[in-house]
């Protein structure tokens, strides 16, 4: 399964600032808060929330899957892979 997140869907200021978007590193899903978080290299290496999944009615769960996140110029692609039982 794939989830495509465009730049416009990210929280402010990353939705509008292409330079700051390219300074995001270590992007990952935080299952406790249901958010997509990253380290902002532009803002003194601060830990930031760039997307709230609940805003879109999505509840992420890692009990039965793993994921990969691919960052490109248009945003993020989250590839969810089912765990083999």
PDB file of N, CA and C in Angstrom:
ATOM      1  N   UNK A   1       0.845  -1.170   0.000  1.00  0.00           N
ATOM      2  CA  UNK A   1       0.000   0.000   0.000  1.00  0.00           C
ATOM      3  C   UNK A   1       0.892   1.234   0.000  1.00  0.00           C
ATOM      4  N   UNK A   2       0.434   2.285  -0.687  1.00  0.00           N
ATOM      5  CA  UNK A   2       1.198   3.517  -0.743  1.00  0.00           C
ATOM      6  C   UNK A   2       0.315   4.701  -0.358  1.00  0.00           C
ATOM      7  N   UNK A   3       0.893   5.621   0.396  1.00  0.00           N
ATOM      8  CA  UNK A   3       0.223   6.867   0.764  1.00  0.00           C
ATOM      9  C   UNK A   3       1.095   8.003   0.255  1.00  0.00           C
ATOM     10  N   UNK A   4       0.517   8.849  -0.571  1.00  0.00           N
ATOM     11  CA  UNK A   4       1.249   9.983  -1.133  1.00  0.00           C
ATOM     12  C   UNK A   4       0.868  11.251  -0.372  1.00  0.00           C
ATOM     13  N   UNK A   5       1.849  11.961   0.168  1.00  0.00           N
ATOM     14  CA  UNK A   5       1.622  13.197   0.905  1.00  0.00           C
ATOM     15  C   UNK A   5       2.308  14.321   0.140  1.00  0.00           C
ATOM     16  N   UNK A   6       1.520  15.240  -0.378  1.00  0.00           N
ATOM     17  CA  UNK A   6       2.068  16.358  -1.135  1.00  0.00           C
ATOM     18  C   UNK A   6       2.515  17.469  -0.190  1.00  0.00           C
ATOM     19  N   UNK A   7       3.405  18.310  -0.677  1.00  0.00           N
ATOM     20  CA  UNK A   7       3.929  19.414   0.132  1.00  0.00           C
ATOM     21  C   UNK A   7       2.819  20.290   0.698  1.00  0.00           C
ATOM     22  N   UNK A   8       1.773  20.550  -0.094  1.00  0.00           N
ATOM     23  CA  UNK A   8       0.682  21.423   0.343  1.00  0.00           C
ATOM     24  C   UNK A   8      -0.068  20.879   1.556  1.00  0.00           C
ATOM     25  N   UNK A   9      -0.003  19.568   1.795  1.00  0.00           N
ATOM     26  CA  UNK A   9      -0.724  18.940   2.893  1.00  0.00           C
ATOM     27  C   UNK A   9       0.050  18.981   4.211  1.00  0.00           C
ATOM     28  N   UNK A  10       1.313  19.360   4.165  1.00  0.00           N
ATOM     29  CA  UNK A  10       2.118  19.441   5.378  1.00  0.00           C
ATOM     30  C   UNK A  10       1.703  20.659   6.196  1.00  0.00           C
ATOM     31  N   UNK A  11       2.090  20.642   7.458  1.00  0.00           N
ATOM     32  CA  UNK A  11       1.794  21.771   8.342  1.00  0.00           C
ATOM     33  C   UNK A  11       2.636  22.978   7.932  1.00  0.00           C
ATOM     34  N   UNK A  12       2.157  24.152   8.287  1.00  0.00           N
ATOM     35  CA  UNK A  12       2.887  25.390   8.039  1.00  0.00           C
ATOM     36  C   UNK A  12       4.135  25.408   8.927  1.00  0.00           C
ATOM     37  N   UNK A  13       5.277  25.781   8.509  1.00  0.00           N
ATOM     38  CA  UNK A  13       5.685  26.467   7.288  1.00  0.00           C
ATOM     39  C   UNK A  13       6.191  25.547   6.187  1.00  0.00           C
ATOM     40  N   UNK A  14       6.233  24.239   6.414  1.00  0.00           N
ATOM     41  CA  UNK A  14       6.807  23.313   5.441  1.00  0.00           C
ATOM     42  C   UNK A  14       5.946  23.191   4.203  1.00  0.00           C
ATOM     43  N   UNK A  15       4.669  23.506   4.309  1.00  0.00           N
ATOM     44  CA  UNK A  15       3.798  23.429   3.144  1.00  0.00           C
ATOM     45  C   UNK A  15       4.081  24.543   2.140  1.00  0.00           C
ATOM     46  N   UNK A  16       4.669  25.633   2.584  1.00  0.00           N
ATOM     47  CA  UNK A  16       4.896  26.786   1.709  1.00  0.00           C
ATOM     48  C   UNK A  16       6.355  27.059   1.394  1.00  0.00           C
ATOM     49  N   UNK A  17       7.249  26.575   2.209  1.00  0.00           N
ATOM     50  CA  UNK A  17       8.659  26.929   2.086  1.00  0.00           C
ATOM     51  C   UNK A  17       9.467  25.739   1.573  1.00  0.00           C
ATOM     52  N   UNK A  18       9.794  25.759   0.280  1.00  0.00           N
ATOM     53  CA  UNK A  18      10.527  24.663  -0.348  1.00  0.00           C
ATOM     54  C   UNK A  18      11.916  24.497   0.268  1.00  0.00           C
ATOM     55  N   UNK A  19      12.559  25.586   0.630  1.00  0.00           N
ATOM     56  CA  UNK A  19      13.886  25.514   1.241  1.00  0.00           C
ATOM     57  C   UNK A  19      13.825  24.765   2.574  1.00  0.00           C
ATOM     58  N   UNK A  20      12.849  25.090   3.418  1.00  0.00           N
ATOM     59  CA  UNK A  20      12.726  24.402   4.716  1.00  0.00           C
ATOM     60  C   UNK A  20      12.323  22.948   4.534  1.00  0.00           C
ATOM     61  N   UNK A  21      11.499  22.668   3.533  1.00  0.00           N
ATOM     62  CA  UNK A  21      11.100  21.285   3.253  1.00  0.00           C
ATOM     63  C   UNK A  21      12.330  20.429   2.958  1.00  0.00           C
ATOM     64  N   UNK A  22      13.280  20.958   2.216  1.00  0.00           N
ATOM     65  CA  UNK A  22      14.488  20.205   1.876  1.00  0.00           C
ATOM     66  C   UNK A  22      15.445  20.059   3.049  1.00  0.00           C
ATOM     67  N   UNK A  23      15.218  20.755   4.143  1.00  0.00           N
ATOM     68  CA  UNK A  23      16.049  20.640   5.342  1.00  0.00           C
ATOM     69  C   UNK A  23      15.466  19.647   6.357  1.00  0.00           C
ATOM     70  N   UNK A  24      14.404  18.916   5.993  1.00  0.00           N
ATOM     71  CA  UNK A  24      13.830  17.900   6.882  1.00  0.00           C
ATOM     72  C   UNK A  24      14.607  16.596   6.746  1.00  0.00           C
ATOM     73  N   UNK A  25      14.968  16.004   7.874  1.00  0.00           N
ATOM     74  CA  UNK A  25      15.703  14.740   7.881  1.00  0.00           C
ATOM     75  C   UNK A  25      15.094  13.806   8.922  1.00  0.00           C
ATOM     76  N   UNK A  26      15.410  12.517   8.818  1.00  0.00           N
ATOM     77  CA  UNK A  26      14.941  11.487   9.753  1.00  0.00           C
ATOM     78  C   UNK A  26      13.422  11.522   9.910  1.00  0.00           C
ATOM     79  N   UNK A  27      12.728  11.553   8.803  1.00  0.00           N
ATOM     80  CA  UNK A  27      11.268  11.584   8.808  1.00  0.00           C
ATOM     81  C   UNK A  27      10.755  10.213   9.220  1.00  0.00           C
ATOM     82  N   UNK A  28       9.778  10.196  10.135  1.00  0.00           N
ATOM     83  CA  UNK A  28       9.226   8.935  10.603  1.00  0.00           C
ATOM     84  C   UNK A  28       7.837   9.096  11.197  1.00  0.00           C
ATOM     85  N   UNK A  29       7.154   7.988  11.326  1.00  0.00           N
ATOM     86  CA  UNK A  29       5.805   7.965  11.892  1.00  0.00           C
ATOM     87  C   UNK A  29       5.912   7.793  13.400  1.00  0.00           C
ATOM     88  N   UNK A  30       5.244   8.635  14.146  1.00  0.00           N
ATOM     89  CA  UNK A  30       5.128   8.492  15.600  1.00  0.00           C
ATOM     90  C   UNK A  30       3.745   7.916  15.868  1.00  0.00           C
ATOM     91  N   UNK A  31       3.698   6.651  16.252  1.00  0.00           N
ATOM     92  CA  UNK A  31       2.425   5.962  16.437  1.00  0.00           C
ATOM     93  C   UNK A  31       1.679   6.430  17.680  1.00  0.00           C
ATOM     94  N   UNK A  32       2.376   6.899  18.681  1.00  0.00           N
ATOM     95  CA  UNK A  32       1.719   7.369  19.909  1.00  0.00           C
ATOM     96  C   UNK A  32       0.915   8.635  19.665  1.00  0.00           C
ATOM     97  N   UNK A  33       1.464   9.539  18.878  1.00  0.00           N
ATOM     98  CA  UNK A  33       0.777  10.805  18.614  1.00  0.00           C
ATOM     99  C   UNK A  33       0.069  10.831  17.264  1.00  0.00           C
ATOM    100  N   UNK A  34       0.233   9.771  16.470  1.00  0.00           N
ATOM    101  CA  UNK A  34      -0.369   9.678  15.131  1.00  0.00           C
ATOM    102  C   UNK A  34       0.065  10.849  14.252  1.00  0.00           C
ATOM    103  N   UNK A  35       1.373  11.062  14.183  1.00  0.00           N
ATOM    104  CA  UNK A  35       1.929  12.163  13.414  1.00  0.00           C
ATOM    105  C   UNK A  35       3.095  11.700  12.555  1.00  0.00           C
ATOM    106  N   UNK A  36       3.452  12.524  11.589  1.00  0.00           N
ATOM    107  CA  UNK A  36       4.665  12.347  10.820  1.00  0.00           C
ATOM    108  C   UNK A  36       5.635  13.398  11.339  1.00  0.00           C
ATOM    109  N   UNK A  37       6.749  12.956  11.891  1.00  0.00           N
ATOM    110  CA  UNK A  37       7.702  13.847  12.545  1.00  0.00           C
ATOM    111  C   UNK A  37       9.033  13.827  11.808  1.00  0.00           C
ATOM    112  N   UNK A  38       9.828  14.869  12.026  1.00  0.00           N
ATOM    113  CA  UNK A  38      11.134  14.969  11.373  1.00  0.00           C
ATOM    114  C   UNK A  38      12.048  15.864  12.202  1.00  0.00           C
ATOM    115  N   UNK A  39      13.299  15.847  11.844  1.00  0.00           N
ATOM    116  CA  UNK A  39      14.275  16.772  12.420  1.00  0.00           C
ATOM    117  C   UNK A  39      14.446  17.902  11.412  1.00  0.00           C
ATOM    118  N   UNK A  40      14.233  19.132  11.863  1.00  0.00           N
ATOM    119  CA  UNK A  40      14.351  20.311  11.015  1.00  0.00           C
ATOM    120  C   UNK A  40      15.770  20.861  11.126  1.00  0.00           C
ATOM    121  N   UNK A  41      16.575  20.639  10.102  1.00  0.00           N
ATOM    122  CA  UNK A  41      17.972  21.089  10.107  1.00  0.00           C
ATOM    123  C   UNK A  41      18.070  22.603   9.949  1.00  0.00           C
ATOM    124  N   UNK A  42      17.019  23.239   9.459  1.00  0.00           N
ATOM    125  CA  UNK A  42      17.004  24.697   9.281  1.00  0.00           C
ATOM    126  C   UNK A  42      16.845  25.409  10.619  1.00  0.00           C
ATOM    127  N   UNK A  43      16.110  24.788  11.533  1.00  0.00           N
ATOM    128  CA  UNK A  43      15.776  25.414  12.816  1.00  0.00           C
ATOM    129  C   UNK A  43      16.552  24.767  13.960  1.00  0.00           C
ATOM    130  N   UNK A  44      17.885  24.784  13.861  1.00  0.00           N
ATOM    131  CA  UNK A  44      18.752  24.321  14.943  1.00  0.00           C
ATOM    132  C   UNK A  44      18.475  22.878  15.370  1.00  0.00           C
ATOM    133  N   UNK A  45      18.228  22.005  14.399  1.00  0.00           N
ATOM    134  CA  UNK A  45      18.039  20.577  14.643  1.00  0.00           C
ATOM    135  C   UNK A  45      16.880  20.289  15.600  1.00  0.00           C
ATOM    136  N   UNK A  46      15.775  20.962  15.423  1.00  0.00           N
ATOM    137  CA  UNK A  46      14.625  20.747  16.308  1.00  0.00           C
ATOM    138  C   UNK A  46      13.746  19.616  15.776  1.00  0.00           C
ATOM    139  N   UNK A  47      13.084  18.922  16.685  1.00  0.00           N
ATOM    140  CA  UNK A  47      12.172  17.827  16.371  1.00  0.00           C
ATOM    141  C   UNK A  47      10.793  18.429  16.143  1.00  0.00           C
ATOM    142  N   UNK A  48      10.230  18.253  14.943  1.00  0.00           N
ATOM    143  CA  UNK A  48       8.987  18.923  14.575  1.00  0.00           C
ATOM    144  C   UNK A  48       7.955  17.937  14.044  1.00  0.00           C
ATOM    145  N   UNK A  49       6.695  18.301  14.161  1.00  0.00           N
ATOM    146  CA  UNK A  49       5.595  17.551  13.573  1.00  0.00           C
ATOM    147  C   UNK A  49       5.224  18.228  12.264  1.00  0.00           C
ATOM    148  N   UNK A  50       5.243  17.436  11.180  1.00  0.00           N
ATOM    149  CA  UNK A  50       4.960  18.021   9.875  1.00  0.00           C
ATOM    150  C   UNK A  50       3.609  17.584   9.303  1.00  0.00           C
ATOM    151  N   UNK A  51       2.962  16.571   9.923  1.00  0.00           N
ATOM    152  CA  UNK A  51       1.647  16.133   9.458  1.00  0.00           C
ATOM    153  C   UNK A  51       0.924  15.420  10.594  1.00  0.00           C
ATOM    154  N   UNK A  52      -0.374  15.708  10.730  1.00  0.00           N
ATOM    155  CA  UNK A  52      -1.233  15.014  11.697  1.00  0.00           C
ATOM    156  C   UNK A  52      -2.143  14.067  10.927  1.00  0.00           C
ATOM    157  N   UNK A  53      -1.949  12.748  11.111  1.00  0.00           N
ATOM    158  CA  UNK A  53      -2.760  11.769  10.393  1.00  0.00           C
ATOM    159  C   UNK A  53      -4.232  11.851  10.783  1.00  0.00           C
ATOM    160  N   UNK A  54      -4.524  12.147  12.039  1.00  0.00           N
ATOM    161  CA  UNK A  54      -5.916  12.214  12.494  1.00  0.00           C
ATOM    162  C   UNK A  54      -6.694  13.319  11.799  1.00  0.00           C
ATOM    163  N   UNK A  55      -5.995  14.334  11.307  1.00  0.00           N
ATOM    164  CA  UNK A  55      -6.635  15.413  10.556  1.00  0.00           C
ATOM    165  C   UNK A  55      -7.330  14.865   9.299  1.00  0.00           C
ATOM    166  N   UNK A  56      -6.816  13.740   8.790  1.00  0.00           N
ATOM    167  CA  UNK A  56      -7.352  13.096   7.598  1.00  0.00           C
ATOM    168  C   UNK A  56      -8.135  11.822   7.930  1.00  0.00           C
ATOM    169  N   UNK A  57      -8.345  11.557   9.204  1.00  0.00           N
ATOM    170  CA  UNK A  57      -9.098  10.376   9.605  1.00  0.00           C
ATOM    171  C   UNK A  57      -8.323   9.074   9.492  1.00  0.00           C
ATOM    172  N   UNK A  58      -7.002   9.160   9.513  1.00  0.00           N
ATOM    173  CA  UNK A  58      -6.145   7.975   9.385  1.00  0.00           C
ATOM    174  C   UNK A  58      -5.558   7.627  10.750  1.00  0.00           C
ATOM    175  N   UNK A  59      -5.637   6.355  11.116  1.00  0.00           N
ATOM    176  CA  UNK A  59      -5.012   5.865  12.341  1.00  0.00           C
ATOM    177  C   UNK A  59      -3.955   4.854  11.933  1.00  0.00           C
ATOM    178  N   UNK A  60      -2.714   5.160  12.231  1.00  0.00           N
ATOM    179  CA  UNK A  60      -1.601   4.290  11.860  1.00  0.00           C
ATOM    180  C   UNK A  60      -1.350   3.273  12.978  1.00  0.00           C
ATOM    181  N   UNK A  61      -0.969   2.056  12.587  1.00  0.00           N
ATOM    182  CA  UNK A  61      -0.734   0.971  13.531  1.00  0.00           C
ATOM    183  C   UNK A  61       0.450   0.156  13.019  1.00  0.00           C
ATOM    184  N   UNK A  62       1.396  -0.147  13.881  1.00  0.00           N
ATOM    185  CA  UNK A  62       2.582  -0.882  13.436  1.00  0.00           C
ATOM    186  C   UNK A  62       2.618  -2.331  13.902  1.00  0.00           C
ATOM    187  N   UNK A  63       1.512  -2.868  14.375  1.00  0.00           N
ATOM    188  CA  UNK A  63       1.538  -4.245  14.862  1.00  0.00           C
ATOM    189  C   UNK A  63       1.714  -5.257  13.739  1.00  0.00           C
ATOM    190  N   UNK A  64       1.175  -4.961  12.560  1.00  0.00           N
ATOM    191  CA  UNK A  64       1.177  -5.946  11.481  1.00  0.00           C
ATOM    192  C   UNK A  64       1.858  -5.459  10.210  1.00  0.00           C
ATOM    193  N   UNK A  65       2.623  -4.367  10.301  1.00  0.00           N
ATOM    194  CA  UNK A  65       3.280  -3.870   9.096  1.00  0.00           C
ATOM    195  C   UNK A  65       4.562  -3.120   9.439  1.00  0.00           C
ATOM    196  N   UNK A  66       5.304  -2.821   8.396  1.00  0.00           N
ATOM    197  CA  UNK A  66       6.466  -1.946   8.480  1.00  0.00           C
ATOM    198  C   UNK A  66       6.314  -0.920   7.354  1.00  0.00           C
ATOM    199  N   UNK A  67       7.203   0.050   7.293  1.00  0.00           N
ATOM    200  CA  UNK A  67       7.046   1.079   6.269  1.00  0.00           C
ATOM    201  C   UNK A  67       8.384   1.625   5.827  1.00  0.00           C
ATOM    202  N   UNK A  68       8.381   2.228   4.646  1.00  0.00           N
ATOM    203  CA  UNK A  68       9.497   2.996   4.114  1.00  0.00           C
ATOM    204  C   UNK A  68       8.951   4.358   3.722  1.00  0.00           C
ATOM    205  N   UNK A  69       9.754   5.403   3.945  1.00  0.00           N
ATOM    206  CA  UNK A  69       9.360   6.752   3.545  1.00  0.00           C
ATOM    207  C   UNK A  69      10.358   7.255   2.517  1.00  0.00           C
ATOM    208  N   UNK A  70       9.815   7.701   1.392  1.00  0.00           N
ATOM    209  CA  UNK A  70      10.624   8.241   0.311  1.00  0.00           C
ATOM    210  C   UNK A  70      10.294   9.721   0.178  1.00  0.00           C
ATOM    211  N   UNK A  71      11.304  10.572   0.258  1.00  0.00           N
ATOM    212  CA  UNK A  71      11.116  12.015   0.117  1.00  0.00           C
ATOM    213  C   UNK A  71      11.601  12.449  -1.259  1.00  0.00           C
ATOM    214  N   UNK A  72      10.746  13.197  -1.981  1.00  0.00           N
ATOM    215  CA  UNK A  72      11.144  13.768  -3.257  1.00  0.00           C
ATOM    216  C   UNK A  72      10.701  15.222  -3.313  1.00  0.00           C
ATOM    217  N   UNK A  73      10.834  15.855  -4.452  1.00  0.00           N
ATOM    218  CA  UNK A  73      10.515  17.280  -4.572  1.00  0.00           C
ATOM    219  C   UNK A  73       9.040  17.593  -4.343  1.00  0.00           C
ATOM    220  N   UNK A  74       8.151  16.634  -4.573  1.00  0.00           N
ATOM    221  CA  UNK A  74       6.711  16.859  -4.444  1.00  0.00           C
ATOM    222  C   UNK A  74       6.168  16.553  -3.060  1.00  0.00           C
ATOM    223  N   UNK A  75       6.929  15.880  -2.211  1.00  0.00           N
ATOM    224  CA  UNK A  75       6.453  15.529  -0.876  1.00  0.00           C
ATOM    225  C   UNK A  75       7.028  14.200  -0.423  1.00  0.00           C
ATOM    226  N   UNK A  76       6.150  13.365   0.149  1.00  0.00           N
ATOM    227  CA  UNK A  76       6.573  12.073   0.686  1.00  0.00           C
ATOM    228  C   UNK A  76       5.719  10.955   0.126  1.00  0.00           C
ATOM    229  N   UNK A  77       6.324   9.790   0.000  1.00  0.00           N
ATOM    230  CA  UNK A  77       5.614   8.574  -0.347  1.00  0.00           C
ATOM    231  C   UNK A  77       5.870   7.582   0.779  1.00  0.00           C
ATOM    232  N   UNK A  78       4.803   7.136   1.428  1.00  0.00           N
ATOM    233  CA  UNK A  78       4.926   6.132   2.484  1.00  0.00           C
ATOM    234  C   UNK A  78       4.505   4.800   1.900  1.00  0.00           C
ATOM    235  N   UNK A  79       5.414   3.844   1.881  1.00  0.00           N
ATOM    236  CA  UNK A  79       5.116   2.495   1.406  1.00  0.00           C
ATOM    237  C   UNK A  79       4.956   1.594   2.622  1.00  0.00           C
ATOM    238  N   UNK A  80       3.776   1.017   2.771  1.00  0.00           N
ATOM    239  CA  UNK A  80       3.476   0.148   3.916  1.00  0.00           C
ATOM    240  C   UNK A  80       3.567  -1.297   3.451  1.00  0.00           C
ATOM    241  N   UNK A  81       4.344  -2.083   4.187  1.00  0.00           N
ATOM    242  CA  UNK A  81       4.570  -3.479   3.849  1.00  0.00           C
ATOM    243  C   UNK A  81       4.021  -4.372   4.956  1.00  0.00           C
ATOM    244  N   UNK A  82       3.162  -5.365   4.630  1.00  0.00           N
ATOM    245  CA  UNK A  82       2.673  -6.259   5.667  1.00  0.00           C
ATOM    246  C   UNK A  82       3.810  -7.166   6.176  1.00  0.00           C
ATOM    247  N   UNK A  83       3.779  -7.413   7.495  1.00  0.00           N
ATOM    248  CA  UNK A  83       4.758  -8.327   8.079  1.00  0.00           C
ATOM    249  C   UNK A  83       4.332  -9.747   7.745  1.00  0.00           C
ATOM    250  N   UNK A  84       5.314 -10.573   7.514  1.00  0.00           N
ATOM    251  CA  UNK A  84       5.021 -11.973   7.224  1.00  0.00           C
ATOM    252  C   UNK A  84       4.822 -12.732   8.504  1.00  0.00           C
ATOM    253  N   UNK A  85       3.772 -13.463   8.590  1.00  0.00           N
ATOM    254  CA  UNK A  85       3.437 -14.220   9.804  1.00  0.00           C
ATOM    255  C   UNK A  85       4.077 -15.575   9.789  1.00  0.00           C
TER     256      UNK A  85
END
